[in-house]
Amino acid sequence: MMNLLRRTRYFLEYAGAKCLYWLIKLSPHPFIKIISTAAGKLVYLCFKKLINANIRIAFPEKNDAEVEQIGTASAYNVIFNMLEFIWLNNNPSRIEKVLKIAPDVIEKIQELSKSGTRIIFVNPHIGSWEASGLMAPYYGGIKMAAIAKPLRNPYLNRLLNEGNREKERGLKIIFAKGAVKAAIKALRSGASLGTLIDQNTRVRNGGVFVDFFGMPVPTSKAPVLLARYCESNNIKARIVYASSLRQPDGTIKPCMEFLSKDLDSYQSDKEIIRELMAKSEKYIRQYPEQYLWLYHRFRYIPRDCSEDVRRRFPYYASVASSKFYAKTGRLKDIDYTKAERVAVVD
């Protein structure tokens, strides 16, 4: 009985989403902005406490009015990017109207691709992260795999992931469960990879605490481990920081930055992740209204955290439990030549 009720609910959710999906596809671009403005204000009001708490940690110097302005704009940005991506999807004239990429960026992507180098793009939730997964395959002509979290509703999952994102040429969606093995398979087949860096990854799953706005936050080492795997298997690979940022004229333009050193020149994998997070923080400081503040990013307090830092954590944070740290394997003993051992980061 419960399964029947769940399936019925899922189908009704899908039917409603399908109607909205086609409404967005058939609407003029300005109409999407109107919907997003109203929805963004509602989202901000519903999650104001969470959004404001995160912004105040990152920007303690901001007054209440400035925090509210950033929070409202951020909520709008999330809704608008989601709806706009549906509006853009599988429509070349719309894509080329909104997504702008400089010739030198295309040249860099194509140059790496022609040399057989797999690009491991590292992207935070800033600007239009959906557009980031589209830029390289559309303009650069490279095969691309992007990691996404599957929706619980299987109908919606097919609509928004398999039926929407994968319509773009060269783009393949990898779902989070079992993502590392699938990512390795994609890299071995010649595809580049898109990953999101600013998500809470438990230490037992390959996460590491690094500095983010002066606060220790857990972040996945997956980009580095995947690059190490490629290196150990004679596959050319390069980690690239990338973000797609909204410009004043409404267009979206990508920015790309390479690591400052070769992979083997770093003292540890943590140092690489720390540099990538520093790049992320730099752009968030420049475009705070385009960052996703609607997330429990400062949720876990490391056990060895000082009392002064611990007091800076927001209301929703708690000390990470032993289960958070319990490891499925010793990361220092990972054999990068074997895909199944790299899967500890999943």
Protein backbone atom coordinates (compact mmCIF):
# COMPACT_ATOMS: atom_id res chain seq x y z
CA MET A 1 0.00 0.00 0.00
CA MET A 2 2.82 2.38 0.93
CA ASN A 3 4.65 1.70 -2.32
CA LEU A 4 1.48 2.42 -4.29
CA LEU A 5 0.95 5.71 -2.42
CA ARG A 6 4.58 6.66 -2.97
CA ARG A 7 4.42 5.88 -6.69
CA THR A 8 1.18 7.86 -6.99
CA ARG A 9 2.74 10.83 -5.22
CA TYR A 10 5.84 10.63 -7.39
CA PHE A 11 3.72 10.55 -10.54
CA LEU A 12 1.64 13.55 -9.44
CA GLU A 13 4.84 15.46 -8.65
CA TYR A 14 6.13 14.52 -12.07
CA ALA A 15 2.92 15.64 -13.79
CA GLY A 16 3.12 19.03 -12.09
CA ALA A 17 6.81 19.39 -12.90
CA LYS A 18 6.18 18.39 -16.52
CA CYS A 19 3.62 21.17 -16.89
CA LEU A 20 6.06 23.69 -15.38
CA TYR A 21 8.84 22.30 -17.58
CA TRP A 22 6.93 23.00 -20.79
CA LEU A 23 5.68 26.34 -19.50
CA ILE A 24 9.32 27.39 -19.07
CA LYS A 25 10.37 25.97 -22.43
CA LEU A 26 7.62 27.91 -24.22
CA SER A 27 7.96 31.16 -22.27
CA PRO A 28 9.92 34.27 -23.30
CA HIS A 29 13.11 34.88 -21.35
CA PRO A 30 11.80 37.95 -19.43
CA PHE A 31 8.90 35.86 -18.08
CA ILE A 32 11.39 33.46 -16.45
CA LYS A 33 12.98 36.42 -14.66
CA ILE A 34 9.58 37.47 -13.30
CA ILE A 35 8.84 33.97 -11.99
CA SER A 36 12.33 33.70 -10.50
CA THR A 37 12.05 37.05 -8.74
CA ALA A 38 8.83 36.05 -7.00
CA ALA A 39 10.04 32.52 -6.21
CA GLY A 40 13.41 33.82 -5.01
CA LYS A 41 11.78 36.18 -2.50
CA LEU A 42 9.64 33.31 -1.20
CA VAL A 43 12.65 31.00 -0.87
CA TYR A 44 14.59 33.68 0.97
CA LEU A 45 11.75 34.28 3.43
CA CYS A 46 11.41 30.54 4.08
CA PHE A 47 15.15 29.99 4.63
CA LYS A 48 16.19 33.43 5.82
CA LYS A 49 17.76 32.21 9.06
CA LEU A 50 20.00 29.68 7.29
CA ILE A 51 20.98 31.96 4.41
CA ASN A 52 21.77 34.93 6.65
CA ALA A 53 23.79 32.79 9.07
CA ASN A 54 26.03 31.56 6.25
CA ILE A 55 26.52 35.02 4.78
CA ARG A 56 27.42 36.49 8.18
CA ILE A 57 30.14 33.87 8.64
CA ALA A 58 31.69 34.71 5.27
CA PHE A 59 31.13 38.47 5.52
CA PRO A 60 30.99 39.51 9.19
CA GLU A 61 31.56 43.14 8.14
CA LYS A 62 28.22 43.31 6.26
CA ASN A 63 25.28 45.07 7.91
CA ASP A 64 21.76 43.61 8.04
CA ALA A 65 20.61 45.38 4.88
CA GLU A 66 23.62 44.14 2.91
CA VAL A 67 23.16 40.58 4.17
CA GLU A 68 19.50 40.62 3.15
CA GLN A 69 20.36 42.01 -0.29
CA ILE A 70 22.92 39.24 -0.89
CA GLY A 71 20.56 36.58 0.46
CA THR A 72 17.61 37.66 -1.70
CA ALA A 73 19.79 37.88 -4.82
CA SER A 74 21.30 34.47 -4.09
CA ALA A 75 17.87 32.83 -3.76
CA TYR A 76 16.81 34.45 -7.04
CA ASN A 77 20.01 33.24 -8.70
CA VAL A 78 19.35 29.62 -7.71
CA ILE A 79 15.79 29.65 -9.10
CA PHE A 80 16.67 31.62 -12.22
CA ASN A 81 19.61 29.39 -13.15
CA MET A 82 17.51 26.26 -12.74
CA LEU A 83 14.64 27.59 -14.86
CA GLU A 84 16.92 29.20 -17.42
CA PHE A 85 18.80 25.94 -17.94
CA ILE A 86 15.50 24.27 -18.86
CA TRP A 87 14.72 27.20 -21.19
CA LEU A 88 18.16 26.92 -22.84
CA ASN A 89 18.23 23.18 -23.15
CA ASN A 90 18.64 21.71 -26.63
CA ASN A 91 18.08 25.12 -28.24
CA PRO A 92 21.29 26.35 -29.94
CA SER A 93 20.04 29.88 -30.63
CA ARG A 94 19.14 30.39 -26.96
CA ILE A 95 22.38 28.81 -25.75
CA GLU A 96 24.48 31.09 -27.93
CA LYS A 97 22.48 34.12 -26.85
CA VAL A 98 23.06 33.53 -23.13
CA LEU A 99 26.25 31.50 -22.82
CA LYS A 100 29.29 33.43 -24.00
CA ILE A 101 32.77 31.93 -24.05
CA ALA A 102 35.94 33.76 -25.06
CA PRO A 103 37.90 32.34 -28.01
CA ASP A 104 41.03 31.91 -25.87
CA VAL A 105 39.11 29.74 -23.38
CA ILE A 106 37.78 27.55 -26.20
CA GLU A 107 41.32 27.32 -27.57
CA LYS A 108 42.70 26.16 -24.21
CA ILE A 109 39.98 23.49 -23.85
CA GLN A 110 40.45 22.23 -27.40
CA GLU A 111 44.24 22.22 -27.05
CA LEU A 112 44.03 19.98 -23.98
CA SER A 113 41.47 17.75 -25.65
CA LYS A 114 43.55 17.32 -28.83
CA SER A 115 46.55 16.28 -26.72
CA GLY A 116 44.46 13.52 -25.13
CA THR A 117 44.36 15.29 -21.77
CA ARG A 118 41.29 14.66 -19.61
CA ILE A 119 40.15 17.83 -17.90
CA ILE A 120 38.87 17.42 -14.35
CA PHE A 121 36.82 20.57 -13.91
CA VAL A 122 36.31 21.69 -10.30
CA ASN A 123 33.33 23.97 -9.86
CA PRO A 124 31.63 25.44 -6.76
CA HIS A 125 27.93 26.32 -6.55
CA ILE A 126 28.42 29.82 -7.88
CA GLY A 127 26.97 31.54 -10.94
CA SER A 128 25.34 28.94 -13.17
CA TRP A 129 26.93 25.61 -12.33
CA GLU A 130 24.48 23.96 -14.74
CA ALA A 131 25.93 26.06 -17.57
CA SER A 132 29.43 25.01 -16.54
CA GLY A 133 28.63 21.42 -17.50
CA LEU A 134 27.34 22.56 -20.87
CA MET A 135 30.04 25.03 -21.99
CA ALA A 136 32.89 22.60 -22.69
CA PRO A 137 30.96 20.02 -24.75
CA TYR A 138 28.94 22.65 -26.64
CA TYR A 139 31.69 25.12 -27.52
CA GLY A 140 34.79 22.97 -27.10
CA GLY A 141 33.38 19.85 -28.72
CA ILE A 142 34.74 17.55 -26.01
CA LYS A 143 33.07 14.59 -24.35
CA MET A 144 32.03 15.49 -20.84
CA ALA A 145 30.69 13.60 -17.82
CA ALA A 146 29.14 15.51 -14.92
CA ILE A 147 28.39 14.14 -11.47
CA ALA A 148 24.87 14.85 -10.20
CA LYS A 149 22.85 13.78 -7.20
CA PRO A 150 19.87 11.65 -8.30
CA LEU A 151 16.40 12.72 -7.24
CA ARG A 152 14.33 10.35 -5.12
CA ASN A 153 11.46 10.63 -7.56
CA PRO A 154 12.49 8.40 -10.50
CA TYR A 155 10.10 10.18 -12.90
CA LEU A 156 11.57 13.60 -12.09
CA ASN A 157 15.05 12.14 -12.28
CA ARG A 158 14.46 11.00 -15.86
CA LEU A 159 12.91 14.34 -16.77
CA LEU A 160 15.53 16.67 -15.30
CA ASN A 161 18.69 14.60 -15.54
CA GLU A 162 18.46 11.99 -18.28
CA GLY A 163 15.79 13.78 -20.29
CA ASN A 164 17.07 17.34 -19.92
CA ARG A 165 20.81 17.53 -19.23
CA GLU A 166 21.78 14.56 -21.39
CA LYS A 167 20.11 16.05 -24.47
CA GLU A 168 23.18 18.22 -24.86
CA ARG A 169 25.73 16.77 -27.23
CA GLY A 170 28.71 15.17 -25.56
CA LEU A 171 27.28 15.44 -22.03
CA LYS A 172 26.77 12.36 -19.83
CA ILE A 173 25.32 12.46 -16.31
CA ILE A 174 26.93 10.32 -13.60
CA PHE A 175 24.86 9.84 -10.46
CA ALA A 176 26.45 10.29 -7.04
CA LYS A 177 25.96 6.70 -5.90
CA GLY A 178 28.88 4.80 -7.39
CA ALA A 179 30.11 8.01 -8.99
CA VAL A 180 33.83 7.38 -8.62
CA LYS A 181 33.83 4.09 -10.51
CA ALA A 182 31.64 5.62 -13.20
CA ALA A 183 33.93 8.67 -13.31
CA ILE A 184 36.98 6.46 -13.79
CA LYS A 185 35.20 4.62 -16.58
CA ALA A 186 34.41 7.95 -18.25
CA LEU A 187 38.00 9.16 -17.92
CA ARG A 188 39.33 5.92 -19.38
CA SER A 189 36.96 6.29 -22.33
CA GLY A 190 38.39 9.72 -23.13
CA ALA A 191 35.81 11.97 -21.47
CA SER A 192 36.55 14.95 -19.27
CA LEU A 193 34.80 15.32 -15.93
CA GLY A 194 32.86 17.99 -14.02
CA THR A 195 32.81 17.91 -10.21
CA LEU A 196 31.35 20.17 -7.53
CA ILE A 197 33.81 21.01 -4.78
CA ASP A 198 31.76 22.72 -2.07
CA GLN A 199 29.82 19.82 -0.58
CA ASN A 200 30.21 18.23 2.85
CA THR A 201 32.13 14.99 2.36
CA ARG A 202 32.71 12.91 5.47
CA VAL A 203 36.30 12.03 6.34
CA ARG A 204 35.41 8.33 6.17
CA ASN A 205 34.39 8.88 2.54
CA GLY A 206 37.54 10.71 1.53
CA GLY A 207 36.79 14.19 2.83
CA VAL A 208 39.33 16.51 4.37
CA PHE A 209 38.86 19.67 6.44
CA VAL A 210 40.23 22.77 4.69
CA ASP A 211 39.88 26.50 5.25
CA PHE A 212 36.86 28.28 3.77
CA PHE A 213 36.29 31.88 4.84
CA GLY A 214 38.47 31.20 7.86
CA MET A 215 36.43 28.17 8.89
CA PRO A 216 37.36 24.47 8.58
CA VAL A 217 34.89 22.67 6.28
CA PRO A 218 34.96 19.09 4.95
CA THR A 219 35.61 18.84 1.21
CA SER A 220 36.04 15.87 -1.11
CA LYS A 221 39.48 14.92 -2.36
CA ALA A 222 37.90 13.17 -5.35
CA PRO A 223 39.34 15.54 -8.02
CA VAL A 224 42.87 14.87 -6.79
CA LEU A 225 42.37 11.12 -6.37
CA LEU A 226 40.95 10.88 -9.88
CA ALA A 227 43.88 12.85 -11.26
CA ARG A 228 46.28 10.56 -9.36
CA TYR A 229 44.51 7.54 -10.82
CA CYS A 230 44.96 8.90 -14.34
CA GLU A 231 48.60 9.67 -13.65
CA SER A 232 49.25 6.13 -12.40
CA ASN A 233 47.58 4.64 -15.46
CA ASN A 234 49.41 6.75 -18.06
CA ILE A 235 46.33 8.85 -18.80
CA LYS A 236 46.97 12.56 -19.26
CA ALA A 237 44.79 14.58 -16.89
CA ARG A 238 44.70 18.12 -15.57
CA ILE A 239 42.68 19.68 -12.76
CA VAL A 240 41.10 22.98 -13.76
CA TYR A 241 39.10 25.35 -11.57
CA ALA A 242 36.09 26.64 -13.52
CA SER A 243 33.03 28.80 -12.84
CA SER A 244 30.32 30.24 -15.09
CA LEU A 245 29.42 33.69 -13.81
CA ARG A 246 26.49 35.96 -14.63
CA GLN A 247 27.55 39.27 -16.15
CA PRO A 248 25.80 42.67 -15.81
CA ASP A 249 24.31 42.26 -19.30
CA GLY A 250 22.69 38.97 -18.28
CA THR A 251 25.01 36.68 -20.20
CA ILE A 252 26.99 33.89 -18.57
CA LYS A 253 30.75 33.73 -19.08
CA PRO A 254 33.18 31.08 -17.84
CA CYS A 255 36.43 31.66 -15.98
CA MET A 256 39.18 29.05 -15.84
CA GLU A 257 42.26 28.76 -13.67
CA PHE A 258 44.95 26.09 -13.60
CA LEU A 259 46.71 24.92 -10.47
CA SER A 260 49.81 26.93 -9.63
CA LYS A 261 52.08 23.85 -9.69
CA ASP A 262 52.32 20.37 -11.15
CA LEU A 263 50.47 17.74 -9.17
CA ASP A 264 53.63 16.13 -7.79
CA SER A 265 55.01 19.48 -6.60
CA TYR A 266 52.46 19.71 -3.79
CA GLN A 267 53.32 18.37 -0.36
CA SER A 268 49.92 16.71 0.04
CA ASP A 269 46.53 16.22 -1.60
CA LYS A 270 45.09 18.46 1.09
CA GLU A 271 47.26 21.33 -0.14
CA ILE A 272 45.74 20.99 -3.62
CA ILE A 273 42.20 21.02 -2.28
CA ARG A 274 43.08 24.03 -0.13
CA GLU A 275 44.24 25.92 -3.23
CA LEU A 276 41.07 25.02 -5.14
CA MET A 277 38.94 26.20 -2.22
CA ALA A 278 40.94 29.45 -2.10
CA LYS A 279 40.15 30.03 -5.78
CA SER A 280 36.49 29.34 -5.03
CA GLU A 281 36.49 31.79 -2.13
CA LYS A 282 38.09 34.47 -4.32
CA TYR A 283 35.20 34.38 -6.80
CA ILE A 284 32.56 34.14 -4.07
CA ARG A 285 33.95 37.34 -2.54
CA GLN A 286 33.64 39.01 -5.95
CA TYR A 287 30.13 37.64 -6.65
CA PRO A 288 28.55 36.85 -3.25
CA GLU A 289 25.03 37.24 -4.64
CA GLN A 290 25.69 34.41 -7.10
CA TYR A 291 26.73 31.83 -4.50
CA LEU A 292 24.47 29.13 -3.07
CA TRP A 293 24.07 30.16 0.57
CA LEU A 294 21.08 27.83 0.93
CA TYR A 295 23.20 24.92 2.18
CA HIS A 296 24.49 23.69 5.55
CA ARG A 297 28.09 24.30 4.47
CA PHE A 298 29.35 24.92 8.01
CA ARG A 299 27.52 21.93 9.46
CA TYR A 300 30.44 19.92 10.84
CA ILE A 301 32.79 21.15 13.57
CA PRO A 302 36.07 19.22 13.60
CA ARG A 303 36.83 17.54 16.90
CA ASP A 304 40.24 19.22 17.20
CA CYS A 305 38.78 22.69 16.59
CA SER A 306 39.79 25.46 19.03
CA GLU A 307 37.13 27.01 21.23
CA ASP A 308 37.49 30.40 19.52
CA VAL A 309 36.79 28.93 16.07
CA ARG A 310 34.04 26.68 17.43
CA ARG A 311 32.12 29.71 18.66
CA ARG A 312 32.07 31.13 15.11
CA PHE A 313 30.09 28.21 13.70
CA PRO A 314 26.38 28.85 12.95
CA TYR A 315 23.37 27.66 14.95
CA TYR A 316 22.90 24.47 12.89
CA ALA A 317 26.46 23.17 13.34
CA SER A 318 27.53 20.33 15.64
CA VAL A 319 30.77 18.53 16.44
CA ALA A 320 31.44 15.77 13.92
CA SER A 321 30.71 12.36 15.42
CA SER A 322 33.00 9.33 15.43
CA LYS A 323 30.90 7.94 12.58
CA PHE A 324 31.87 10.99 10.51
CA TYR A 325 35.54 10.05 10.88
CA ALA A 326 35.27 6.25 10.71
CA LYS A 327 37.18 5.20 7.60
CA THR A 328 36.38 2.43 5.13
CA GLY A 329 40.06 2.26 4.28
CA ARG A 330 43.27 4.07 5.12
CA LEU A 331 43.61 6.84 2.57
CA LYS A 332 47.40 6.89 2.87
CA ASP A 333 47.49 3.29 1.60
CA ILE A 334 45.33 3.85 -1.48
CA ASP A 335 46.61 2.09 -4.56
CA TYR A 336 45.90 4.61 -7.32
CA THR A 337 46.36 1.95 -9.98
CA LYS A 338 43.17 0.17 -8.93
CA ALA A 339 39.80 1.77 -9.54
CA GLU A 340 38.07 -0.11 -6.73
CA ARG A 341 40.44 1.37 -4.14
CA VAL A 342 39.83 4.93 -5.35
CA ALA A 343 36.13 4.35 -4.70
CA VAL A 344 36.64 5.08 -0.98
CA VAL A 345 35.86 8.73 -1.75
CA ASP A 346 32.34 7.86 -2.89
